[in-house]
């Protein structure tokens, strides 16, 4: 197990063909996550978005994606395959953002 928020980045300069992040948001890690995706690699990211405070936790804006935030994270570096910013009903009502994006070319 690694402490991604308070310790050194545990992955060094390694790169990966895919990274999947779900239900987690620590904005300072965005550059590290993006840099760790190899050329032609894929990022799949889904977490809670603004508006989720209507349904419960998380409700703190620090832990909710702003409108279009995931698009901004990949802008100019990735080709967006799919993106959603919507309300879901299952497993419980929530506001989420989802993105599937592919890095073009040789990498970071």
N, C-alpha and C. Protein backbone atom coordinates (compact mmCIF):
# COMPACT_ATOMS: atom_id res chain seq x y z
N UNK A 1 0.85 -1.17 0.00
CA UNK A 1 0.00 0.00 0.00
C UNK A 1 0.90 1.24 0.00
N UNK A 2 0.47 2.27 -0.69
CA UNK A 2 1.24 3.51 -0.78
C UNK A 2 0.37 4.70 -0.38
N UNK A 3 0.97 5.68 0.25
CA UNK A 3 0.29 6.92 0.61
C UNK A 3 0.49 7.89 -0.56
N UNK A 4 -0.50 8.01 -1.40
CA UNK A 4 -0.38 8.84 -2.60
C UNK A 4 -0.44 10.33 -2.31
N UNK A 5 -0.95 10.71 -1.16
CA UNK A 5 -1.15 12.13 -0.87
C UNK A 5 -0.04 12.75 -0.02
N UNK A 6 0.64 11.97 0.80
CA UNK A 6 1.60 12.54 1.73
C UNK A 6 3.01 12.01 1.61
N UNK A 7 3.22 11.03 0.77
CA UNK A 7 4.56 10.45 0.62
C UNK A 7 5.06 10.70 -0.80
N UNK A 8 6.28 10.30 -1.06
CA UNK A 8 6.84 10.42 -2.41
C UNK A 8 6.02 9.58 -3.39
N UNK A 9 5.97 10.02 -4.62
CA UNK A 9 5.25 9.30 -5.67
C UNK A 9 5.86 7.90 -5.78
N UNK A 10 5.07 6.85 -5.54
CA UNK A 10 5.63 5.51 -5.43
C UNK A 10 5.98 4.85 -6.78
N UNK A 11 5.60 5.46 -7.87
CA UNK A 11 5.78 4.81 -9.17
C UNK A 11 7.00 5.30 -9.93
N UNK A 12 7.74 6.23 -9.34
CA UNK A 12 8.93 6.74 -10.02
C UNK A 12 8.60 7.30 -11.39
N UNK A 13 9.43 6.98 -12.35
CA UNK A 13 9.23 7.46 -13.72
C UNK A 13 8.57 6.40 -14.61
N UNK A 14 8.03 5.36 -13.99
CA UNK A 14 7.40 4.28 -14.77
C UNK A 14 6.21 4.80 -15.54
N UNK A 15 5.92 4.14 -16.65
CA UNK A 15 4.72 4.49 -17.43
C UNK A 15 3.89 3.23 -17.64
N UNK A 16 2.62 3.44 -17.92
CA UNK A 16 1.66 2.35 -17.99
C UNK A 16 0.79 2.49 -19.24
N UNK A 17 0.34 1.36 -19.75
CA UNK A 17 -0.55 1.36 -20.90
C UNK A 17 -1.96 1.81 -20.56
N UNK A 18 -2.31 1.72 -19.29
CA UNK A 18 -3.63 2.16 -18.85
C UNK A 18 -3.58 2.50 -17.36
N UNK A 19 -4.34 3.50 -17.00
CA UNK A 19 -4.54 3.85 -15.60
C UNK A 19 -6.04 4.05 -15.40
N UNK A 20 -6.56 3.43 -14.35
CA UNK A 20 -7.98 3.53 -14.01
C UNK A 20 -8.07 4.12 -12.61
N UNK A 21 -8.86 5.19 -12.47
CA UNK A 21 -9.08 5.82 -11.17
C UNK A 21 -10.59 5.89 -10.96
N UNK A 22 -11.04 5.43 -9.80
CA UNK A 22 -12.46 5.51 -9.49
C UNK A 22 -12.67 6.04 -8.08
N UNK A 23 -13.66 6.92 -7.97
CA UNK A 23 -14.10 7.46 -6.67
C UNK A 23 -12.95 8.02 -5.84
N UNK A 24 -12.05 8.75 -6.49
CA UNK A 24 -10.91 9.33 -5.80
C UNK A 24 -10.55 10.65 -6.48
N UNK A 25 -10.28 11.66 -5.68
CA UNK A 25 -9.88 12.95 -6.23
C UNK A 25 -8.87 13.62 -5.30
N UNK A 26 -7.66 13.78 -5.82
CA UNK A 26 -6.62 14.56 -5.16
C UNK A 26 -5.93 15.31 -6.30
N UNK A 27 -6.40 16.52 -6.56
CA UNK A 27 -5.97 17.29 -7.73
C UNK A 27 -4.46 17.38 -7.92
N UNK A 28 -3.67 17.50 -6.85
CA UNK A 28 -2.23 17.58 -7.07
C UNK A 28 -1.64 16.36 -7.80
N UNK A 29 -2.37 15.25 -7.83
CA UNK A 29 -1.87 14.06 -8.52
C UNK A 29 -2.16 14.05 -10.02
N UNK A 30 -3.01 14.94 -10.49
CA UNK A 30 -3.35 14.93 -11.92
C UNK A 30 -2.10 14.94 -12.81
N UNK A 31 -1.13 15.83 -12.60
CA UNK A 31 0.05 15.83 -13.47
C UNK A 31 0.83 14.51 -13.42
N UNK A 32 0.93 13.91 -12.26
CA UNK A 32 1.65 12.63 -12.13
C UNK A 32 0.92 11.51 -12.85
N UNK A 33 -0.40 11.48 -12.71
CA UNK A 33 -1.19 10.45 -13.38
C UNK A 33 -1.05 10.59 -14.89
N UNK A 34 -1.21 11.80 -15.39
CA UNK A 34 -1.09 12.05 -16.82
C UNK A 34 0.30 11.66 -17.33
N UNK A 35 1.33 12.03 -16.59
CA UNK A 35 2.70 11.73 -17.01
C UNK A 35 2.99 10.23 -16.99
N UNK A 36 2.27 9.47 -16.20
CA UNK A 36 2.52 8.03 -16.07
C UNK A 36 1.86 7.21 -17.16
N UNK A 37 1.15 7.84 -18.07
CA UNK A 37 0.48 7.10 -19.14
C UNK A 37 1.37 7.10 -20.38
N UNK A 38 1.70 5.90 -20.83
CA UNK A 38 2.58 5.72 -21.98
C UNK A 38 1.91 6.18 -23.27
N UNK A 39 2.73 6.32 -24.34
CA UNK A 39 2.19 6.63 -25.65
C UNK A 39 1.13 5.61 -26.05
N UNK A 40 0.05 6.09 -26.60
CA UNK A 40 -1.12 5.29 -26.96
C UNK A 40 -1.78 4.63 -25.75
N UNK A 41 -1.41 5.07 -24.54
CA UNK A 41 -2.04 4.55 -23.33
C UNK A 41 -3.38 5.21 -23.07
N UNK A 42 -4.13 4.63 -22.16
CA UNK A 42 -5.50 5.05 -21.90
C UNK A 42 -5.66 5.46 -20.44
N UNK A 43 -6.39 6.54 -20.23
CA UNK A 43 -6.81 6.97 -18.91
C UNK A 43 -8.32 6.79 -18.81
N UNK A 44 -8.74 6.08 -17.79
CA UNK A 44 -10.16 5.96 -17.47
C UNK A 44 -10.31 6.50 -16.05
N UNK A 45 -11.14 7.52 -15.91
CA UNK A 45 -11.26 8.21 -14.61
C UNK A 45 -12.74 8.48 -14.36
N UNK A 46 -13.19 8.12 -13.17
CA UNK A 46 -14.57 8.42 -12.77
C UNK A 46 -14.57 8.77 -11.30
N UNK A 47 -15.18 9.90 -10.98
CA UNK A 47 -15.37 10.25 -9.57
C UNK A 47 -16.53 11.25 -9.44
N UNK A 48 -16.77 11.64 -8.22
CA UNK A 48 -17.91 12.50 -7.93
C UNK A 48 -17.72 13.91 -8.47
N UNK A 49 -18.83 14.52 -8.85
CA UNK A 49 -18.80 15.84 -9.49
C UNK A 49 -19.67 16.83 -8.73
N UNK A 50 -19.47 18.10 -9.06
CA UNK A 50 -20.29 19.17 -8.49
C UNK A 50 -21.76 18.82 -8.64
N UNK A 51 -22.51 19.09 -7.61
CA UNK A 51 -23.92 18.73 -7.57
C UNK A 51 -24.18 17.52 -6.70
N UNK A 52 -23.11 16.76 -6.40
CA UNK A 52 -23.28 15.57 -5.57
C UNK A 52 -23.71 15.91 -4.15
N UNK A 53 -23.48 17.14 -3.72
CA UNK A 53 -23.86 17.52 -2.36
C UNK A 53 -25.37 17.33 -2.13
N UNK A 54 -26.16 17.31 -3.19
CA UNK A 54 -27.61 17.06 -3.06
C UNK A 54 -27.90 15.65 -2.57
N UNK A 55 -26.97 14.73 -2.79
CA UNK A 55 -27.21 13.32 -2.50
C UNK A 55 -26.46 12.81 -1.28
N UNK A 56 -25.63 13.63 -0.68
CA UNK A 56 -24.86 13.18 0.47
C UNK A 56 -23.38 13.38 0.24
N UNK A 57 -22.58 12.49 0.78
CA UNK A 57 -21.13 12.62 0.70
C UNK A 57 -20.59 11.93 -0.54
N UNK A 58 -19.50 12.46 -1.09
CA UNK A 58 -18.84 13.68 -0.66
C UNK A 58 -19.66 14.92 -1.04
N UNK A 59 -19.59 15.91 -0.17
CA UNK A 59 -20.30 17.16 -0.42
C UNK A 59 -19.38 18.36 -0.41
N UNK A 60 -18.17 18.19 0.07
CA UNK A 60 -17.18 19.27 0.10
C UNK A 60 -16.69 19.54 -1.32
N UNK A 61 -16.75 20.78 -1.80
CA UNK A 61 -16.31 21.09 -3.17
C UNK A 61 -14.87 20.68 -3.45
N UNK A 62 -14.04 20.57 -2.41
CA UNK A 62 -12.66 20.13 -2.61
C UNK A 62 -12.59 18.70 -3.13
N UNK A 63 -13.65 17.93 -2.94
CA UNK A 63 -13.68 16.54 -3.34
C UNK A 63 -14.68 16.27 -4.45
N UNK A 64 -15.10 17.33 -5.14
CA UNK A 64 -16.03 17.20 -6.26
C UNK A 64 -15.43 17.87 -7.49
N UNK A 65 -15.44 17.17 -8.60
CA UNK A 65 -14.93 17.75 -9.84
C UNK A 65 -15.78 18.92 -10.28
N UNK A 66 -15.13 19.96 -10.75
CA UNK A 66 -15.83 21.11 -11.32
C UNK A 66 -16.30 20.74 -12.74
N UNK A 67 -17.31 21.43 -13.27
CA UNK A 67 -17.77 21.13 -14.62
C UNK A 67 -16.61 21.16 -15.63
N UNK A 68 -16.47 20.08 -16.39
CA UNK A 68 -15.45 19.99 -17.42
C UNK A 68 -14.03 19.78 -16.91
N UNK A 69 -13.86 19.55 -15.63
CA UNK A 69 -12.51 19.47 -15.07
C UNK A 69 -11.69 18.33 -15.66
N UNK A 70 -12.29 17.17 -15.85
CA UNK A 70 -11.53 16.06 -16.43
C UNK A 70 -11.13 16.36 -17.88
N UNK A 71 -11.97 17.08 -18.60
CA UNK A 71 -11.59 17.51 -19.96
C UNK A 71 -10.37 18.41 -19.92
N UNK A 72 -10.33 19.30 -18.93
CA UNK A 72 -9.17 20.19 -18.80
C UNK A 72 -7.90 19.42 -18.48
N UNK A 73 -8.01 18.37 -17.68
CA UNK A 73 -6.84 17.58 -17.29
C UNK A 73 -6.16 16.96 -18.51
N UNK A 74 -6.92 16.53 -19.48
CA UNK A 74 -6.35 15.83 -20.64
C UNK A 74 -6.16 16.73 -21.87
N UNK A 75 -6.64 17.96 -21.79
CA UNK A 75 -6.60 18.87 -22.95
C UNK A 75 -5.19 19.00 -23.51
N UNK A 76 -5.07 18.82 -24.81
CA UNK A 76 -3.80 18.99 -25.50
C UNK A 76 -2.86 17.82 -25.38
N UNK A 77 -3.21 16.83 -24.57
CA UNK A 77 -2.33 15.68 -24.36
C UNK A 77 -2.97 14.37 -24.80
N UNK A 78 -4.28 14.32 -24.77
CA UNK A 78 -5.01 13.08 -25.03
C UNK A 78 -6.15 13.34 -26.02
N UNK A 79 -6.57 12.27 -26.66
CA UNK A 79 -7.79 12.29 -27.49
C UNK A 79 -8.90 11.71 -26.64
N UNK A 80 -9.97 12.46 -26.48
CA UNK A 80 -11.10 12.02 -25.66
C UNK A 80 -11.92 11.01 -26.46
N UNK A 81 -12.04 9.83 -25.89
CA UNK A 81 -12.85 8.77 -26.50
C UNK A 81 -14.30 8.90 -26.05
N UNK A 82 -14.48 9.15 -24.75
CA UNK A 82 -15.83 9.32 -24.20
C UNK A 82 -15.74 10.19 -22.95
N UNK A 83 -16.78 10.97 -22.72
CA UNK A 83 -16.84 11.85 -21.55
C UNK A 83 -18.30 11.99 -21.14
N UNK A 84 -18.55 11.94 -19.84
CA UNK A 84 -19.88 12.17 -19.31
C UNK A 84 -19.78 12.98 -18.02
N UNK A 85 -20.74 13.84 -17.83
CA UNK A 85 -20.91 14.59 -16.58
C UNK A 85 -22.40 14.49 -16.31
N UNK A 86 -22.80 13.59 -15.40
CA UNK A 86 -24.20 13.27 -15.30
C UNK A 86 -24.59 12.76 -13.92
N UNK A 87 -25.90 12.64 -13.74
CA UNK A 87 -26.45 12.05 -12.53
C UNK A 87 -26.68 10.57 -12.80
N UNK A 88 -26.23 9.73 -11.86
CA UNK A 88 -26.49 8.30 -11.97
C UNK A 88 -27.48 7.91 -10.88
N UNK A 89 -28.13 6.77 -11.04
CA UNK A 89 -29.09 6.30 -10.06
C UNK A 89 -28.63 5.08 -9.29
N UNK A 90 -27.69 4.35 -9.85
CA UNK A 90 -27.20 3.11 -9.24
C UNK A 90 -25.70 3.17 -9.09
N UNK A 91 -25.10 2.65 -8.05
CA UNK A 91 -25.75 1.93 -6.96
C UNK A 91 -26.53 2.84 -6.02
N UNK A 92 -26.26 4.16 -6.07
CA UNK A 92 -27.08 5.13 -5.35
C UNK A 92 -27.00 6.43 -6.14
N UNK A 93 -27.98 7.32 -5.99
CA UNK A 93 -27.93 8.57 -6.74
C UNK A 93 -26.66 9.36 -6.44
N UNK A 94 -26.06 9.88 -7.51
CA UNK A 94 -24.82 10.66 -7.37
C UNK A 94 -24.59 11.44 -8.66
N UNK A 95 -23.80 12.49 -8.56
CA UNK A 95 -23.31 13.22 -9.72
C UNK A 95 -21.88 12.74 -9.97
N UNK A 96 -21.58 12.37 -11.20
CA UNK A 96 -20.24 11.88 -11.52
C UNK A 96 -19.75 12.48 -12.83
N UNK A 97 -18.44 12.50 -12.97
CA UNK A 97 -17.79 12.76 -14.25
C UNK A 97 -17.00 11.50 -14.58
N UNK A 98 -17.01 11.17 -15.88
CA UNK A 98 -16.27 10.01 -16.38
C UNK A 98 -15.55 10.43 -17.65
N UNK A 99 -14.34 9.90 -17.80
CA UNK A 99 -13.63 10.15 -19.05
C UNK A 99 -12.83 8.90 -19.43
N UNK A 100 -12.79 8.65 -20.70
CA UNK A 100 -11.88 7.68 -21.29
C UNK A 100 -11.12 8.45 -22.36
N UNK A 101 -9.79 8.53 -22.19
CA UNK A 101 -8.98 9.32 -23.11
C UNK A 101 -7.70 8.57 -23.43
N UNK A 102 -7.21 8.77 -24.65
CA UNK A 102 -6.02 8.06 -25.13
C UNK A 102 -4.93 9.06 -25.46
N UNK A 103 -3.72 8.76 -24.94
CA UNK A 103 -2.57 9.59 -25.26
C UNK A 103 -2.15 9.26 -26.69
N UNK A 104 -1.89 10.29 -27.45
CA UNK A 104 -1.43 10.09 -28.82
C UNK A 104 0.09 9.98 -28.83
N UNK A 105 0.62 9.12 -29.67
CA UNK A 105 2.05 9.08 -29.92
C UNK A 105 2.89 8.41 -28.87
N UNK A 106 4.13 8.92 -28.73
CA UNK A 106 5.16 8.23 -27.98
C UNK A 106 5.11 8.44 -26.48
N UNK A 107 4.30 9.31 -25.96
CA UNK A 107 4.24 9.46 -24.51
C UNK A 107 4.44 10.88 -24.05
N UNK A 108 4.69 11.03 -22.75
CA UNK A 108 4.73 12.36 -22.13
C UNK A 108 5.67 13.35 -22.75
